[in-house]
Amino acid sequence: MEPNYVYGDAERKIVKAGYEAIESVLAGNDTNAKRRLLFYLDWYMDPYYKHDLTDLYEPLKELLQQMVISENEDDIIEDALYLLESHTDPPYETLRVYIDKTPQQFLPKVRYLINQEE
């Protein structure tokens, strides 16, 4: 079955509801819901659209790092890394501390993000 990456009102409502709602989806078990929300977050976090990320930025950055070291789906990890690289700034302390939990194929990207700090 082809993954569903199309986001809609449900994802908009989740983000509007705040960090706890976002976390419940991204830390949950519904892989397709994670994919849709990450896809929506790519648009939402893009500075071009000037969304107010004041209360979301740091907790979301931390959650995305947690996903990199704990998620089982490669495409979800790729999406989390993409959001970190595209829409956040160093430092990436969680990635640095738990680099040994990073899946092997993502180590080059994680090292790149960590080394941006220097």
PDB file of N, CA and C in Angstrom:
ATOM      1  N   MET A   1       0.836  -1.188   0.000  1.00  0.00           N
ATOM      2  CA  MET A   1       0.000   0.000   0.000  1.00  0.00           C
ATOM      3  C   MET A   1       0.878   1.248   0.000  1.00  0.00           C
ATOM      4  N   GLU A   2       0.530   2.188  -0.818  1.00  0.00           N
ATOM      5  CA  GLU A   2       1.281   3.442  -0.936  1.00  0.00           C
ATOM      6  C   GLU A   2       1.051   4.307   0.310  1.00  0.00           C
ATOM      7  N   PRO A   3       2.137   4.855   0.898  1.00  0.00           N
ATOM      8  CA  PRO A   3       1.953   5.719   2.074  1.00  0.00           C
ATOM      9  C   PRO A   3       1.131   6.961   1.733  1.00  0.00           C
ATOM     10  N   ASN A   4       0.373   7.417   2.706  1.00  0.00           N
ATOM     11  CA  ASN A   4      -0.470   8.588   2.519  1.00  0.00           C
ATOM     12  C   ASN A   4       0.233   9.806   3.100  1.00  0.00           C
ATOM     13  N   TYR A   5       0.690  10.698   2.236  1.00  0.00           N
ATOM     14  CA  TYR A   5       1.394  11.902   2.670  1.00  0.00           C
ATOM     15  C   TYR A   5       0.529  13.153   2.547  1.00  0.00           C
ATOM     16  N   VAL A   6      -0.711  13.010   2.128  1.00  0.00           N
ATOM     17  CA  VAL A   6      -1.573  14.162   1.934  1.00  0.00           C
ATOM     18  C   VAL A   6      -2.107  14.619   3.291  1.00  0.00           C
ATOM     19  N   TYR A   7      -1.824  15.879   3.619  1.00  0.00           N
ATOM     20  CA  TYR A   7      -2.336  16.409   4.878  1.00  0.00           C
ATOM     21  C   TYR A   7      -3.583  17.232   4.620  1.00  0.00           C
ATOM     22  N   GLY A   8      -4.310  17.494   5.693  1.00  0.00           N
ATOM     23  CA  GLY A   8      -5.542  18.260   5.542  1.00  0.00           C
ATOM     24  C   GLY A   8      -5.951  18.911   6.845  1.00  0.00           C
ATOM     25  N   ASP A   9      -7.242  19.040   7.022  1.00  0.00           N
ATOM     26  CA  ASP A   9      -7.778  19.720   8.200  1.00  0.00           C
ATOM     27  C   ASP A   9      -7.335  19.070   9.505  1.00  0.00           C
ATOM     28  N   ALA A  10      -7.243  17.751   9.524  1.00  0.00           N
ATOM     29  CA  ALA A  10      -6.847  17.061  10.760  1.00  0.00           C
ATOM     30  C   ALA A  10      -5.467  17.524  11.218  1.00  0.00           C
ATOM     31  N   GLU A  11      -4.526  17.615  10.283  1.00  0.00           N
ATOM     32  CA  GLU A  11      -3.163  18.040  10.631  1.00  0.00           C
ATOM     33  C   GLU A  11      -3.139  19.510  11.034  1.00  0.00           C
ATOM     34  N   ARG A  12      -3.919  20.335  10.359  1.00  0.00           N
ATOM     35  CA  ARG A  12      -4.000  21.752  10.737  1.00  0.00           C
ATOM     36  C   ARG A  12      -4.526  21.899  12.156  1.00  0.00           C
ATOM     37  N   LYS A  13      -5.549  21.125  12.502  1.00  0.00           N
ATOM     38  CA  LYS A  13      -6.133  21.171  13.843  1.00  0.00           C
ATOM     39  C   LYS A  13      -5.142  20.688  14.901  1.00  0.00           C
ATOM     40  N   ILE A  14      -4.369  19.664  14.565  1.00  0.00           N
ATOM     41  CA  ILE A  14      -3.371  19.139  15.506  1.00  0.00           C
ATOM     42  C   ILE A  14      -2.358  20.221  15.841  1.00  0.00           C
ATOM     43  N   VAL A  15      -1.819  20.880  14.833  1.00  0.00           N
ATOM     44  CA  VAL A  15      -0.817  21.921  15.067  1.00  0.00           C
ATOM     45  C   VAL A  15      -1.443  23.106  15.801  1.00  0.00           C
ATOM     46  N   LYS A  16      -2.639  23.459  15.422  1.00  0.00           N
ATOM     47  CA  LYS A  16      -3.324  24.569  16.092  1.00  0.00           C
ATOM     48  C   LYS A  16      -3.573  24.247  17.567  1.00  0.00           C
ATOM     49  N   ALA A  17      -3.789  22.980  17.891  1.00  0.00           N
ATOM     50  CA  ALA A  17      -4.038  22.559  19.272  1.00  0.00           C
ATOM     51  C   ALA A  17      -2.790  22.669  20.139  1.00  0.00           C
ATOM     52  N   GLY A  18      -1.616  22.684  19.517  1.00  0.00           N
ATOM     53  CA  GLY A  18      -0.388  22.897  20.272  1.00  0.00           C
ATOM     54  C   GLY A  18       0.513  21.684  20.373  1.00  0.00           C
ATOM     55  N   TYR A  19       1.576  21.876  21.138  1.00  0.00           N
ATOM     56  CA  TYR A  19       2.639  20.886  21.202  1.00  0.00           C
ATOM     57  C   TYR A  19       2.164  19.514  21.676  1.00  0.00           C
ATOM     58  N   GLU A  20       1.321  19.472  22.695  1.00  0.00           N
ATOM     59  CA  GLU A  20       0.883  18.181  23.235  1.00  0.00           C
ATOM     60  C   GLU A  20       0.177  17.351  22.167  1.00  0.00           C
ATOM     61  N   ALA A  21      -0.638  17.998  21.355  1.00  0.00           N
ATOM     62  CA  ALA A  21      -1.336  17.296  20.281  1.00  0.00           C
ATOM     63  C   ALA A  21      -0.345  16.793  19.221  1.00  0.00           C
ATOM     64  N   ILE A  22       0.633  17.625  18.901  1.00  0.00           N
ATOM     65  CA  ILE A  22       1.670  17.226  17.936  1.00  0.00           C
ATOM     66  C   ILE A  22       2.445  16.033  18.478  1.00  0.00           C
ATOM     67  N   GLU A  23       2.851  16.131  19.724  1.00  0.00           N
ATOM     68  CA  GLU A  23       3.618  15.049  20.349  1.00  0.00           C
ATOM     69  C   GLU A  23       2.832  13.747  20.385  1.00  0.00           C
ATOM     70  N   SER A  24       1.551  13.811  20.663  1.00  0.00           N
ATOM     71  CA  SER A  24       0.763  12.583  20.746  1.00  0.00           C
ATOM     72  C   SER A  24       0.737  11.847  19.408  1.00  0.00           C
ATOM     73  N   VAL A  25       0.743  12.587  18.317  1.00  0.00           N
ATOM     74  CA  VAL A  25       0.773  11.949  16.996  1.00  0.00           C
ATOM     75  C   VAL A  25       2.175  11.445  16.676  1.00  0.00           C
ATOM     76  N   LEU A  26       3.179  12.305  16.838  1.00  0.00           N
ATOM     77  CA  LEU A  26       4.543  11.933  16.436  1.00  0.00           C
ATOM     78  C   LEU A  26       5.164  10.875  17.339  1.00  0.00           C
ATOM     79  N   ALA A  27       4.685  10.752  18.558  1.00  0.00           N
ATOM     80  CA  ALA A  27       5.180   9.708  19.455  1.00  0.00           C
ATOM     81  C   ALA A  27       4.245   8.491  19.455  1.00  0.00           C
ATOM     82  N   GLY A  28       3.192   8.558  18.662  1.00  0.00           N
ATOM     83  CA  GLY A  28       2.204   7.484  18.621  1.00  0.00           C
ATOM     84  C   GLY A  28       2.590   6.353  17.690  1.00  0.00           C
ATOM     85  N   ASN A  29       1.627   5.482  17.420  1.00  0.00           N
ATOM     86  CA  ASN A  29       1.872   4.281  16.623  1.00  0.00           C
ATOM     87  C   ASN A  29       1.335   4.339  15.199  1.00  0.00           C
ATOM     88  N   ASP A  30       0.609   5.402  14.847  1.00  0.00           N
ATOM     89  CA  ASP A  30       0.030   5.511  13.515  1.00  0.00           C
ATOM     90  C   ASP A  30       1.053   6.139  12.564  1.00  0.00           C
ATOM     91  N   THR A  31       1.726   5.285  11.820  1.00  0.00           N
ATOM     92  CA  THR A  31       2.804   5.729  10.940  1.00  0.00           C
ATOM     93  C   THR A  31       2.301   6.693   9.869  1.00  0.00           C
ATOM     94  N   ASN A  32       1.152   6.420   9.292  1.00  0.00           N
ATOM     95  CA  ASN A  32       0.633   7.327   8.261  1.00  0.00           C
ATOM     96  C   ASN A  32       0.269   8.681   8.838  1.00  0.00           C
ATOM     97  N   ALA A  33      -0.247   8.714  10.057  1.00  0.00           N
ATOM     98  CA  ALA A  33      -0.544   9.996  10.709  1.00  0.00           C
ATOM     99  C   ALA A  33       0.742  10.777  10.937  1.00  0.00           C
ATOM    100  N   LYS A  34       1.816  10.075  11.307  1.00  0.00           N
ATOM    101  CA  LYS A  34       3.118  10.742  11.481  1.00  0.00           C
ATOM    102  C   LYS A  34       3.580  11.329  10.163  1.00  0.00           C
ATOM    103  N   ARG A  35       3.483  10.561   9.097  1.00  0.00           N
ATOM    104  CA  ARG A  35       3.919  11.036   7.781  1.00  0.00           C
ATOM    105  C   ARG A  35       3.165  12.293   7.372  1.00  0.00           C
ATOM    106  N   ARG A  36       1.846  12.259   7.525  1.00  0.00           N
ATOM    107  CA  ARG A  36       1.030  13.420   7.131  1.00  0.00           C
ATOM    108  C   ARG A  36       1.386  14.645   7.970  1.00  0.00           C
ATOM    109  N   LEU A  37       1.560  14.445   9.277  1.00  0.00           N
ATOM    110  CA  LEU A  37       1.865  15.576  10.143  1.00  0.00           C
ATOM    111  C   LEU A  37       3.258  16.134   9.855  1.00  0.00           C
ATOM    112  N   LEU A  38       4.236  15.279   9.624  1.00  0.00           N
ATOM    113  CA  LEU A  38       5.579  15.755   9.283  1.00  0.00           C
ATOM    114  C   LEU A  38       5.555  16.535   7.968  1.00  0.00           C
ATOM    115  N   PHE A  39       4.767  16.070   7.015  1.00  0.00           N
ATOM    116  CA  PHE A  39       4.642  16.765   5.741  1.00  0.00           C
ATOM    117  C   PHE A  39       4.022  18.145   5.952  1.00  0.00           C
ATOM    118  N   TYR A  40       3.002  18.216   6.782  1.00  0.00           N
ATOM    119  CA  TYR A  40       2.378  19.498   7.092  1.00  0.00           C
ATOM    120  C   TYR A  40       3.358  20.404   7.839  1.00  0.00           C
ATOM    121  N   LEU A  41       4.108  19.842   8.778  1.00  0.00           N
ATOM    122  CA  LEU A  41       5.078  20.631   9.538  1.00  0.00           C
ATOM    123  C   LEU A  41       6.153  21.233   8.637  1.00  0.00           C
ATOM    124  N   ASP A  42       6.478  20.559   7.544  1.00  0.00           N
ATOM    125  CA  ASP A  42       7.440  21.126   6.610  1.00  0.00           C
ATOM    126  C   ASP A  42       6.917  22.461   6.084  1.00  0.00           C
ATOM    127  N   TRP A  43       5.671  22.514   5.739  1.00  0.00           N
ATOM    128  CA  TRP A  43       5.064  23.769   5.282  1.00  0.00           C
ATOM    129  C   TRP A  43       4.960  24.749   6.448  1.00  0.00           C
ATOM    130  N   TYR A  44       4.482  24.270   7.590  1.00  0.00           N
ATOM    131  CA  TYR A  44       4.208  25.141   8.730  1.00  0.00           C
ATOM    132  C   TYR A  44       5.485  25.783   9.289  1.00  0.00           C
ATOM    133  N   MET A  45       6.578  25.027   9.323  1.00  0.00           N
ATOM    134  CA  MET A  45       7.835  25.523   9.891  1.00  0.00           C
ATOM    135  C   MET A  45       8.626  26.386   8.919  1.00  0.00           C
ATOM    136  N   ASP A  46       8.262  26.367   7.657  1.00  0.00           N
ATOM    137  CA  ASP A  46       8.988  27.127   6.648  1.00  0.00           C
ATOM    138  C   ASP A  46       8.889  28.622   6.962  1.00  0.00           C
ATOM    139  N   PRO A  47      10.030  29.293   7.150  1.00  0.00           N
ATOM    140  CA  PRO A  47      10.016  30.713   7.509  1.00  0.00           C
ATOM    141  C   PRO A  47       9.307  31.601   6.482  1.00  0.00           C
ATOM    142  N   TYR A  48       9.238  31.165   5.260  1.00  0.00           N
ATOM    143  CA  TYR A  48       8.588  31.944   4.211  1.00  0.00           C
ATOM    144  C   TYR A  48       7.140  32.290   4.580  1.00  0.00           C
ATOM    145  N   TYR A  49       6.473  31.352   5.272  1.00  0.00           N
ATOM    146  CA  TYR A  49       5.048  31.543   5.587  1.00  0.00           C
ATOM    147  C   TYR A  49       4.816  32.282   6.900  1.00  0.00           C
ATOM    148  N   LYS A  50       5.879  32.587   7.606  1.00  0.00           N
ATOM    149  CA  LYS A  50       5.849  33.452   8.790  1.00  0.00           C
ATOM    150  C   LYS A  50       4.864  33.008   9.871  1.00  0.00           C
ATOM    151  N   HIS A  51       4.816  31.710  10.142  1.00  0.00           N
ATOM    152  CA  HIS A  51       4.007  31.228  11.251  1.00  0.00           C
ATOM    153  C   HIS A  51       4.735  31.505  12.558  1.00  0.00           C
ATOM    154  N   ASP A  52       3.990  31.761  13.594  1.00  0.00           N
ATOM    155  CA  ASP A  52       4.580  32.031  14.910  1.00  0.00           C
ATOM    156  C   ASP A  52       4.953  30.706  15.572  1.00  0.00           C
ATOM    157  N   LEU A  53       6.239  30.433  15.634  1.00  0.00           N
ATOM    158  CA  LEU A  53       6.741  29.200  16.226  1.00  0.00           C
ATOM    159  C   LEU A  53       7.294  29.423  17.637  1.00  0.00           C
ATOM    160  N   THR A  54       7.016  30.558  18.223  1.00  0.00           N
ATOM    161  CA  THR A  54       7.597  30.929  19.509  1.00  0.00           C
ATOM    162  C   THR A  54       7.479  29.812  20.545  1.00  0.00           C
ATOM    163  N   ASP A  55       6.284  29.288  20.737  1.00  0.00           N
ATOM    164  CA  ASP A  55       6.080  28.257  21.756  1.00  0.00           C
ATOM    165  C   ASP A  55       6.376  26.852  21.265  1.00  0.00           C
ATOM    166  N   LEU A  56       6.475  26.670  19.964  1.00  0.00           N
ATOM    167  CA  LEU A  56       6.667  25.335  19.396  1.00  0.00           C
ATOM    168  C   LEU A  56       8.111  25.015  19.039  1.00  0.00           C
ATOM    169  N   TYR A  57       8.895  26.011  18.727  1.00  0.00           N
ATOM    170  CA  TYR A  57      10.203  25.783  18.120  1.00  0.00           C
ATOM    171  C   TYR A  57      11.086  24.832  18.929  1.00  0.00           C
ATOM    172  N   GLU A  58      11.406  25.168  20.156  1.00  0.00           N
ATOM    173  CA  GLU A  58      12.327  24.332  20.943  1.00  0.00           C
ATOM    174  C   GLU A  58      11.751  22.956  21.274  1.00  0.00           C
ATOM    175  N   PRO A  59      10.482  22.861  21.748  1.00  0.00           N
ATOM    176  CA  PRO A  59       9.953  21.526  22.020  1.00  0.00           C
ATOM    177  C   PRO A  59       9.869  20.661  20.760  1.00  0.00           C
ATOM    178  N   LEU A  60       9.515  21.273  19.638  1.00  0.00           N
ATOM    179  CA  LEU A  60       9.430  20.523  18.388  1.00  0.00           C
ATOM    180  C   LEU A  60      10.809  20.078  17.929  1.00  0.00           C
ATOM    181  N   LYS A  61      11.785  20.938  18.054  1.00  0.00           N
ATOM    182  CA  LYS A  61      13.167  20.583  17.709  1.00  0.00           C
ATOM    183  C   LYS A  61      13.624  19.386  18.553  1.00  0.00           C
ATOM    184  N   GLU A  62      13.306  19.390  19.830  1.00  0.00           N
ATOM    185  CA  GLU A  62      13.659  18.279  20.712  1.00  0.00           C
ATOM    186  C   GLU A  62      12.919  17.007  20.313  1.00  0.00           C
ATOM    187  N   LEU A  63      11.638  17.125  20.024  1.00  0.00           N
ATOM    188  CA  LEU A  63      10.849  15.957  19.627  1.00  0.00           C
ATOM    189  C   LEU A  63      11.378  15.340  18.336  1.00  0.00           C
ATOM    190  N   LEU A  64      11.736  16.160  17.372  1.00  0.00           N
ATOM    191  CA  LEU A  64      12.288  15.654  16.114  1.00  0.00           C
ATOM    192  C   LEU A  64      13.599  14.914  16.355  1.00  0.00           C
ATOM    193  N   GLN A  65      14.427  15.421  17.250  1.00  0.00           N
ATOM    194  CA  GLN A  65      15.675  14.723  17.584  1.00  0.00           C
ATOM    195  C   GLN A  65      15.370  13.375  18.239  1.00  0.00           C
ATOM    196  N   GLN A  66      14.392  13.352  19.126  1.00  0.00           N
ATOM    197  CA  GLN A  66      13.992  12.100  19.776  1.00  0.00           C
ATOM    198  C   GLN A  66      13.518  11.082  18.742  1.00  0.00           C
ATOM    199  N   MET A  67      12.803  11.554  17.737  1.00  0.00           N
ATOM    200  CA  MET A  67      12.312  10.654  16.690  1.00  0.00           C
ATOM    201  C   MET A  67      13.467  10.017  15.926  1.00  0.00           C
ATOM    202  N   VAL A  68      14.517  10.782  15.684  1.00  0.00           N
ATOM    203  CA  VAL A  68      15.666  10.261  14.944  1.00  0.00           C
ATOM    204  C   VAL A  68      16.294   9.077  15.682  1.00  0.00           C
ATOM    205  N   ILE A  69      16.357   9.159  16.992  1.00  0.00           N
ATOM    206  CA  ILE A  69      17.037   8.100  17.749  1.00  0.00           C
ATOM    207  C   ILE A  69      16.107   6.979  18.209  1.00  0.00           C
ATOM    208  N   SER A  70      14.786   7.163  18.048  1.00  0.00           N
ATOM    209  CA  SER A  70      13.887   6.134  18.574  1.00  0.00           C
ATOM    210  C   SER A  70      12.909   5.556  17.559  1.00  0.00           C
ATOM    211  N   GLU A  71      12.756   6.177  16.424  1.00  0.00           N
ATOM    212  CA  GLU A  71      11.772   5.743  15.428  1.00  0.00           C
ATOM    213  C   GLU A  71      12.262   4.501  14.692  1.00  0.00           C
ATOM    214  N   ASN A  72      11.318   3.671  14.241  1.00  0.00           N
ATOM    215  CA  ASN A  72      11.658   2.443  13.516  1.00  0.00           C
ATOM    216  C   ASN A  72      11.521   2.559  12.004  1.00  0.00           C
ATOM    217  N   GLU A  73      10.784   3.541  11.555  1.00  0.00           N
ATOM    218  CA  GLU A  73      10.544   3.697  10.116  1.00  0.00           C
ATOM    219  C   GLU A  73      11.567   4.654   9.500  1.00  0.00           C
ATOM    220  N   ASP A  74      12.314   4.162   8.509  1.00  0.00           N
ATOM    221  CA  ASP A  74      13.358   4.981   7.890  1.00  0.00           C
ATOM    222  C   ASP A  74      12.819   6.282   7.296  1.00  0.00           C
ATOM    223  N   ASP A  75      11.653   6.229   6.631  1.00  0.00           N
ATOM    224  CA  ASP A  75      11.143   7.444   6.002  1.00  0.00           C
ATOM    225  C   ASP A  75      10.732   8.489   7.041  1.00  0.00           C
ATOM    226  N   ILE A  76      10.300   8.045   8.200  1.00  0.00           N
ATOM    227  CA  ILE A  76       9.949   8.978   9.279  1.00  0.00           C
ATOM    228  C   ILE A  76      11.226   9.638   9.806  1.00  0.00           C
ATOM    229  N   ILE A  77      12.272   8.847   9.977  1.00  0.00           N
ATOM    230  CA  ILE A  77      13.560   9.394  10.435  1.00  0.00           C
ATOM    231  C   ILE A  77      14.082  10.395   9.402  1.00  0.00           C
ATOM    232  N   GLU A  78      14.001  10.044   8.132  1.00  0.00           N
ATOM    233  CA  GLU A  78      14.444  10.953   7.067  1.00  0.00           C
ATOM    234  C   GLU A  78      13.681  12.270   7.124  1.00  0.00           C
ATOM    235  N   ASP A  79      12.364  12.179   7.317  1.00  0.00           N
ATOM    236  CA  ASP A  79      11.550  13.398   7.391  1.00  0.00           C
ATOM    237  C   ASP A  79      11.931  14.238   8.606  1.00  0.00           C
ATOM    238  N   ALA A  80      12.152  13.598   9.749  1.00  0.00           N
ATOM    239  CA  ALA A  80      12.543  14.330  10.958  1.00  0.00           C
ATOM    240  C   ALA A  80      13.889  15.016  10.743  1.00  0.00           C
ATOM    241  N   LEU A  81      14.841  14.312  10.150  1.00  0.00           N
ATOM    242  CA  LEU A  81      16.147  14.908   9.868  1.00  0.00           C
ATOM    243  C   LEU A  81      16.023  16.070   8.884  1.00  0.00           C
ATOM    244  N   TYR A  82      15.173  15.907   7.891  1.00  0.00           N
ATOM    245  CA  TYR A  82      14.959  16.982   6.921  1.00  0.00           C
ATOM    246  C   TYR A  82      14.430  18.240   7.613  1.00  0.00           C
ATOM    247  N   LEU A  83      13.440  18.065   8.488  1.00  0.00           N
ATOM    248  CA  LEU A  83      12.881  19.215   9.200  1.00  0.00           C
ATOM    249  C   LEU A  83      13.926  19.873  10.090  1.00  0.00           C
ATOM    250  N   LEU A  84      14.728  19.055  10.756  1.00  0.00           N
ATOM    251  CA  LEU A  84      15.794  19.617  11.593  1.00  0.00           C
ATOM    252  C   LEU A  84      16.772  20.424  10.745  1.00  0.00           C
ATOM    253  N   GLU A  85      17.206  19.835   9.651  1.00  0.00           N
ATOM    254  CA  GLU A  85      18.191  20.510   8.806  1.00  0.00           C
ATOM    255  C   GLU A  85      17.616  21.760   8.135  1.00  0.00           C
ATOM    256  N   SER A  86      16.377  21.687   7.685  1.00  0.00           N
ATOM    257  CA  SER A  86      15.790  22.773   6.904  1.00  0.00           C
ATOM    258  C   SER A  86      15.215  23.907   7.734  1.00  0.00           C
ATOM    259  N   HIS A  87      14.712  23.583   8.932  1.00  0.00           N
ATOM    260  CA  HIS A  87      13.927  24.576   9.653  1.00  0.00           C
ATOM    261  C   HIS A  87      14.350  24.828  11.096  1.00  0.00           C
ATOM    262  N   THR A  88      15.488  24.273  11.506  1.00  0.00           N
ATOM    263  CA  THR A  88      15.978  24.542  12.858  1.00  0.00           C
ATOM    264  C   THR A  88      17.462  24.875  12.806  1.00  0.00           C
ATOM    265  N   ASP A  89      17.952  25.376  13.912  1.00  0.00           N
ATOM    266  CA  ASP A  89      19.359  25.737  14.020  1.00  0.00           C
ATOM    267  C   ASP A  89      20.006  24.947  15.152  1.00  0.00           C
ATOM    268  N   PRO A  90      21.327  24.738  15.050  1.00  0.00           N
ATOM    269  CA  PRO A  90      22.041  24.067  16.137  1.00  0.00           C
ATOM    270  C   PRO A  90      21.917  24.870  17.420  1.00  0.00           C
ATOM    271  N   PRO A  91      22.183  24.275  18.535  1.00  0.00           N
ATOM    272  CA  PRO A  91      22.756  22.947  18.751  1.00  0.00           C
ATOM    273  C   PRO A  91      21.700  21.843  18.737  1.00  0.00           C
ATOM    274  N   TYR A  92      22.176  20.621  18.536  1.00  0.00           N
ATOM    275  CA  TYR A  92      21.353  19.415  18.534  1.00  0.00           C
ATOM    276  C   TYR A  92      21.885  18.494  19.624  1.00  0.00           C
ATOM    277  N   GLU A  93      21.657  18.896  20.836  1.00  0.00           N
ATOM    278  CA  GLU A  93      22.244  18.218  21.994  1.00  0.00           C
ATOM    279  C   GLU A  93      21.780  16.769  22.119  1.00  0.00           C
ATOM    280  N   THR A  94      20.513  16.509  21.878  1.00  0.00           N
ATOM    281  CA  THR A  94      20.009  15.136  21.989  1.00  0.00           C
ATOM    282  C   THR A  94      20.691  14.231  20.973  1.00  0.00           C
ATOM    283  N   LEU A  95      20.859  14.701  19.758  1.00  0.00           N
ATOM    284  CA  LEU A  95      21.559  13.899  18.746  1.00  0.00           C
ATOM    285  C   LEU A  95      23.006  13.663  19.163  1.00  0.00           C
ATOM    286  N   ARG A  96      23.624  14.670  19.736  1.00  0.00           N
ATOM    287  CA  ARG A  96      25.020  14.539  20.162  1.00  0.00           C
ATOM    288  C   ARG A  96      25.138  13.498  21.283  1.00  0.00           C
ATOM    289  N   VAL A  97      24.286  13.589  22.285  1.00  0.00           N
ATOM    290  CA  VAL A  97      24.373  12.707  23.452  1.00  0.00           C
ATOM    291  C   VAL A  97      24.021  11.266  23.085  1.00  0.00           C
ATOM    292  N   TYR A  98      23.027  11.094  22.208  1.00  0.00           N
ATOM    293  CA  TYR A  98      22.544   9.742  21.892  1.00  0.00           C
ATOM    294  C   TYR A  98      22.917   9.301  20.478  1.00  0.00           C
ATOM    295  N   ILE A  99      24.023   9.778  19.984  1.00  0.00           N
ATOM    296  CA  ILE A  99      24.429   9.433  18.614  1.00  0.00           C
ATOM    297  C   ILE A  99      24.567   7.915  18.439  1.00  0.00           C
ATOM    298  N   ASP A 100      24.914   7.209  19.503  1.00  0.00           N
ATOM    299  CA  ASP A 100      25.051   5.753  19.410  1.00  0.00           C
ATOM    300  C   ASP A 100      23.716   5.054  19.172  1.00  0.00           C
ATOM    301  N   LYS A 101      22.599   5.732  19.369  1.00  0.00           N
ATOM    302  CA  LYS A 101      21.278   5.156  19.115  1.00  0.00           C
ATOM    303  C   LYS A 101      20.771   5.479  17.713  1.00  0.00           C
ATOM    304  N   THR A 102      21.543   6.239  16.976  1.00  0.00           N
ATOM    305  CA  THR A 102      21.160   6.614  15.613  1.00  0.00           C
ATOM    306  C   THR A 102      21.369   5.424  14.687  1.00  0.00           C
ATOM    307  N   PRO A 103      20.361   5.083  13.875  1.00  0.00           N
ATOM    308  CA  PRO A 103      20.549   4.022  12.892  1.00  0.00           C
ATOM    309  C   PRO A 103      21.733   4.343  11.971  1.00  0.00           C
ATOM    310  N   GLN A 104      22.500   3.325  11.666  1.00  0.00           N
ATOM    311  CA  GLN A 104      23.754   3.456  10.918  1.00  0.00           C
ATOM    312  C   GLN A 104      23.625   4.299   9.651  1.00  0.00           C
ATOM    313  N   GLN A 105      22.571   4.077   8.884  1.00  0.00           N
ATOM    314  CA  GLN A 105      22.432   4.778   7.602  1.00  0.00           C
ATOM    315  C   GLN A 105      22.194   6.279   7.749  1.00  0.00           C
ATOM    316  N   PHE A 106      21.847   6.727   8.978  1.00  0.00           N
ATOM    317  CA  PHE A 106      21.595   8.147   9.197  1.00  0.00           C
ATOM    318  C   PHE A 106      22.738   8.848   9.922  1.00  0.00           C
ATOM    319  N   LEU A 107      23.771   8.115  10.260  1.00  0.00           N
ATOM    320  CA  LEU A 107      24.902   8.714  10.972  1.00  0.00           C
ATOM    321  C   LEU A 107      25.559   9.865  10.210  1.00  0.00           C
ATOM    322  N   PRO A 108      25.773   9.761   8.904  1.00  0.00           N
ATOM    323  CA  PRO A 108      26.394  10.900   8.204  1.00  0.00           C
ATOM    324  C   PRO A 108      25.588  12.191   8.348  1.00  0.00           C
ATOM    325  N   LYS A 109      24.274  12.114   8.223  1.00  0.00           N
ATOM    326  CA  LYS A 109      23.434  13.299   8.344  1.00  0.00           C
ATOM    327  C   LYS A 109      23.438  13.834   9.771  1.00  0.00           C
ATOM    328  N   VAL A 110      23.386  12.936  10.747  1.00  0.00           N
ATOM    329  CA  VAL A 110      23.407  13.357  12.154  1.00  0.00           C
ATOM    330  C   VAL A 110      24.741  14.017  12.478  1.00  0.00           C
ATOM    331  N   ARG A 111      25.825  13.439  12.012  1.00  0.00           N
ATOM    332  CA  ARG A 111      27.141  14.046  12.237  1.00  0.00           C
ATOM    333  C   ARG A 111      27.223  15.426  11.585  1.00  0.00           C
ATOM    334  N   TYR A 112      26.660  15.529  10.395  1.00  0.00           N
ATOM    335  CA  TYR A 112      26.636  16.832   9.716  1.00  0.00           C
ATOM    336  C   TYR A 112      25.897  17.863  10.568  1.00  0.00           C
ATOM    337  N   LEU A 113      24.726  17.505  11.073  1.00  0.00           N
ATOM    338  CA  LEU A 113      23.954  18.444  11.894  1.00  0.00           C
ATOM    339  C   LEU A 113      24.715  18.841  13.151  1.00  0.00           C
ATOM    340  N   ILE A 114      25.291  17.867  13.793  1.00  0.00           N
ATOM    341  CA  ILE A 114      26.057  18.144  15.029  1.00  0.00           C
ATOM    342  C   ILE A 114      27.253  19.040  14.746  1.00  0.00           C
ATOM    343  N   ASN A 115      27.917  18.788  13.641  1.00  0.00           N
ATOM    344  CA  ASN A 115      29.121  19.558  13.306  1.00  0.00           C
ATOM    345  C   ASN A 115      28.822  20.977  12.830  1.00  0.00           C
ATOM    346  N   GLN A 116      27.570  21.272  12.541  1.00  0.00           N
ATOM    347  CA  GLN A 116      27.203  22.635  12.165  1.00  0.00           C
ATOM    348  C   GLN A 116      27.437  23.598  13.330  1.00  0.00           C
ATOM    349  N   GLU A 117      27.473  23.078  14.514  1.00  0.00           N
ATOM    350  CA  GLU A 117      27.626  23.909  15.700  1.00  0.00           C
ATOM    351  C   GLU A 117      29.010  24.518  15.773  1.00  0.00           C
ATOM    352  N   GLU A 118      29.959  23.865  15.165  1.00  0.00           N
ATOM    353  CA  GLU A 118      31.364  24.284  15.331  1.00  0.00           C
ATOM    354  C   GLU A 118      31.797  25.308  14.324  1.00  0.00           C
TER     355      GLU A 118
END
